[in-house]
Protein backbone atom coordinates (compact mmCIF):
# COMPACT_ATOMS: atom_id res chain seq x y z
CA MET A 1 94.88 95.86 107.70
CA ARG A 2 96.94 96.42 110.90
CA LEU A 3 100.27 95.65 112.01
CA ARG A 4 101.46 94.62 115.32
CA PRO A 5 105.14 93.51 116.60
CA TYR A 6 105.83 89.59 116.55
CA LYS A 7 105.15 87.56 119.73
CA SER A 8 106.55 84.08 120.54
CA CYS A 9 103.01 82.68 120.24
CA ASP A 10 102.99 83.62 116.33
CA ALA A 11 105.77 81.37 115.50
CA LYS A 12 103.45 78.14 115.24
CA ARG A 13 101.31 80.44 112.69
CA ILE A 14 104.11 81.49 110.56
CA ILE A 15 105.64 77.86 110.31
CA SER A 16 102.13 76.67 109.26
CA TRP A 17 102.12 78.56 106.27
CA ILE A 18 105.59 77.03 105.31
CA ARG A 19 104.06 73.86 103.90
CA ASP A 20 106.94 72.49 101.83
CA GLU A 21 110.87 72.95 100.89
CA GLU A 22 110.26 75.29 97.98
CA VAL A 23 108.06 77.68 100.12
CA PHE A 24 110.69 77.49 102.96
CA HIS A 25 113.52 78.43 100.67
CA LYS A 26 111.73 81.43 98.76
CA TRP A 27 110.57 82.64 102.47
CA GLY A 28 114.09 82.85 103.66
CA GLY A 29 115.14 79.25 104.41
CA ASP A 30 119.01 79.96 104.05
CA HIS A 31 118.72 81.82 107.51
CA PHE A 32 117.10 79.14 109.32
CA GLY A 33 118.84 76.05 108.63
CA LEU A 34 117.18 72.87 107.40
CA TYR A 35 113.64 72.13 106.55
CA PRO A 36 111.33 71.52 108.06
CA ILE A 37 111.64 74.44 110.41
CA SER A 38 110.08 74.54 114.06
CA ALA A 39 108.24 77.30 115.91
CA GLU A 40 111.25 77.48 118.17
CA THR A 41 113.72 77.95 115.57
CA VAL A 42 111.74 81.03 114.12
CA ASP A 43 111.50 82.36 117.84
CA ASN A 44 114.96 81.96 118.94
CA LYS A 45 115.92 83.57 115.32
CA TYR A 46 113.61 86.56 116.14
CA LEU A 47 113.84 87.04 120.16
CA LYS A 48 117.49 85.73 120.47
CA ASP A 49 119.88 85.81 117.40
CA ASN A 50 118.54 88.84 116.12
CA GLY A 51 117.10 90.42 119.31
CA ASP A 52 120.70 90.67 120.64
CA CYS A 53 122.30 92.11 117.33
CA LYS A 54 125.30 94.19 117.28
CA GLU A 55 123.36 97.19 116.45
CA GLU A 56 120.56 98.03 118.74
CA ASP A 57 117.15 98.67 117.71
CA ASN A 58 117.72 97.12 114.26
CA PHE A 59 115.34 94.27 113.90
CA TYR A 60 111.60 94.47 113.71
CA PRO A 61 109.45 91.32 112.96
CA TRP A 62 105.67 92.28 112.35
CA ILE A 63 102.37 90.48 112.16
CA ALA A 64 99.75 91.68 109.70
CA PHE A 65 96.05 91.00 110.74
CA THR A 66 92.45 92.15 110.12
CA ASP A 67 89.47 92.16 112.32
CA GLU A 68 87.54 89.83 109.77
CA ASP A 69 90.32 87.11 109.01
CA GLY A 70 92.86 87.57 112.01
CA VAL A 71 96.42 87.13 111.30
CA ILE A 72 97.24 87.17 107.77
CA GLY A 73 100.84 87.59 107.23
CA HIS A 74 104.22 88.50 108.49
CA PHE A 75 107.44 89.98 107.32
CA ILE A 76 110.27 91.74 109.13
CA MET A 77 112.11 95.26 108.90
CA ARG A 78 115.98 95.99 109.55
CA TYR A 79 118.09 98.74 109.18
CA ILE A 80 120.79 98.29 106.65
CA HIS A 81 124.62 98.82 107.86
CA GLY A 82 123.66 101.16 110.53
CA ASP A 83 122.02 103.55 108.12
CA ASN A 84 118.73 104.89 109.56
CA LYS A 85 117.39 106.45 106.22
CA VAL A 86 117.50 102.78 104.51
CA LEU A 87 115.24 100.01 105.70
CA ARG A 88 115.12 96.28 104.33
CA PHE A 89 112.05 94.38 104.29
CA GLY A 90 112.63 90.68 104.26
CA TRP A 91 110.86 87.08 105.21
CA VAL A 92 107.50 88.10 103.70
CA ILE A 93 104.81 85.49 103.76
CA VAL A 94 101.07 85.27 103.58
CA ASP A 95 98.58 82.66 104.97
CA ASP A 96 98.40 80.69 101.67
CA SER A 97 94.57 79.79 102.57
CA ILE A 98 93.66 83.33 101.83
CA ARG A 99 96.08 84.49 98.88
CA GLY A 100 94.67 86.46 96.18
CA LYS A 101 92.55 88.91 98.14
CA GLY A 102 95.37 91.50 98.05
CA TYR A 103 96.56 90.91 101.67
CA GLY A 104 100.25 90.80 100.78
CA THR A 105 99.99 94.09 98.91
CA SER A 106 98.03 95.80 101.58
CA MET A 107 100.46 94.28 104.44
CA LEU A 108 103.49 95.63 102.58
CA ARG A 109 101.82 99.19 101.89
CA THR A 110 101.05 99.29 105.68
CA GLY A 111 104.55 98.29 106.38
CA LEU A 112 105.91 101.05 103.64
CA ASN A 113 103.46 103.83 105.58
CA TYR A 114 105.12 102.98 108.97
CA ALA A 115 108.60 103.19 107.48
CA PHE A 116 108.10 106.34 105.64
CA ASN A 117 106.00 108.21 107.87
CA ILE A 118 106.75 106.83 111.41
CA LEU A 119 110.33 105.85 111.25
CA GLY A 120 111.34 108.31 108.91
CA VAL A 121 113.55 106.39 106.32
CA GLN A 122 114.17 107.55 102.93
CA THR A 123 114.35 104.14 100.89
CA VAL A 124 113.09 100.62 101.60
CA THR A 125 114.69 97.85 99.83
CA ILE A 126 113.47 93.78 99.37
CA GLY A 127 115.19 91.06 97.42
CA VAL A 128 113.04 88.31 95.77
CA PHE A 129 114.27 85.22 93.90
CA GLU A 130 114.19 85.60 90.17
CA HIS A 131 111.47 82.83 89.61
CA ASN A 132 109.26 83.77 92.67
CA ASP A 133 106.86 85.49 90.04
CA ILE A 134 103.98 85.80 92.44
CA ALA A 135 106.09 87.65 95.26
CA HIS A 136 107.92 89.98 92.42
CA SER A 137 104.58 90.96 90.89
CA CYS A 138 103.04 91.70 94.61
CA TYR A 139 106.14 94.12 95.25
CA LYS A 140 106.05 95.93 91.97
CA LYS A 141 102.31 96.48 92.59
CA VAL A 142 103.23 98.05 95.80
CA GLY A 143 105.78 100.38 93.96
CA PHE A 144 109.26 98.45 94.39
CA VAL A 145 111.43 98.98 91.36
CA ASP A 146 113.97 96.07 89.93
CA LYS A 147 117.21 97.73 90.55
CA GLU A 148 119.87 94.92 89.92
CA ILE A 149 120.11 91.08 89.75
CA VAL A 150 122.50 89.39 92.33
CA PRO A 151 123.96 86.19 91.94
CA HIS A 152 123.04 83.62 94.53
CA GLU A 153 123.96 80.22 95.03
CA ARG A 154 120.03 78.94 94.92
CA GLU A 155 119.02 81.25 92.28
CA ASN A 156 119.71 84.95 91.42
CA ILE A 157 117.70 87.58 93.52
CA ILE A 158 116.24 90.76 91.94
CA GLU A 159 117.15 93.58 94.25
CA MET A 160 114.31 96.19 94.50
CA ALA A 161 113.73 99.39 96.21
CA ILE A 162 111.27 102.14 96.70
CA THR A 163 111.78 105.81 97.86
CA LYS A 164 109.67 107.83 100.13
CA GLU A 165 108.92 110.11 97.16
CA GLU A 166 107.72 107.00 94.88
CA PHE A 167 105.44 105.88 97.57
CA ILE A 168 101.98 106.65 96.87
């Protein structure tokens, strides 16, 4: 498993994994407007809306790939409130045609390794909708721990975190 920065050509692949409105909302649809989503919408969000954010060097979209299967997943990293010791993972998605092979877990572990050992952060956070059991289980496998439940208009969000010391 390796990571590389997102490129515009990845947008079509990402939206191909968002097959219905439920997946769209679990993935992060609230930030992207209405379903169905277009590749142009994703690309604009990543390269224009967030690329020109007020905090420089704050938004990192990643693509996960393997030599055997090619591009298999995607997620973003961003610093929280200008604190370069706390990083947030989000918009996590794995190609649904190859789920169940441990790719989501491997992708997030690779991301955590990068966050802790290259970026030098102390804590990584992530949120998951309360009824997204598959993602919640994956995040716990990686080492994230439930911290609090935050009310949200669609459904509650379980806020999770992992520290550098907890990462194995």
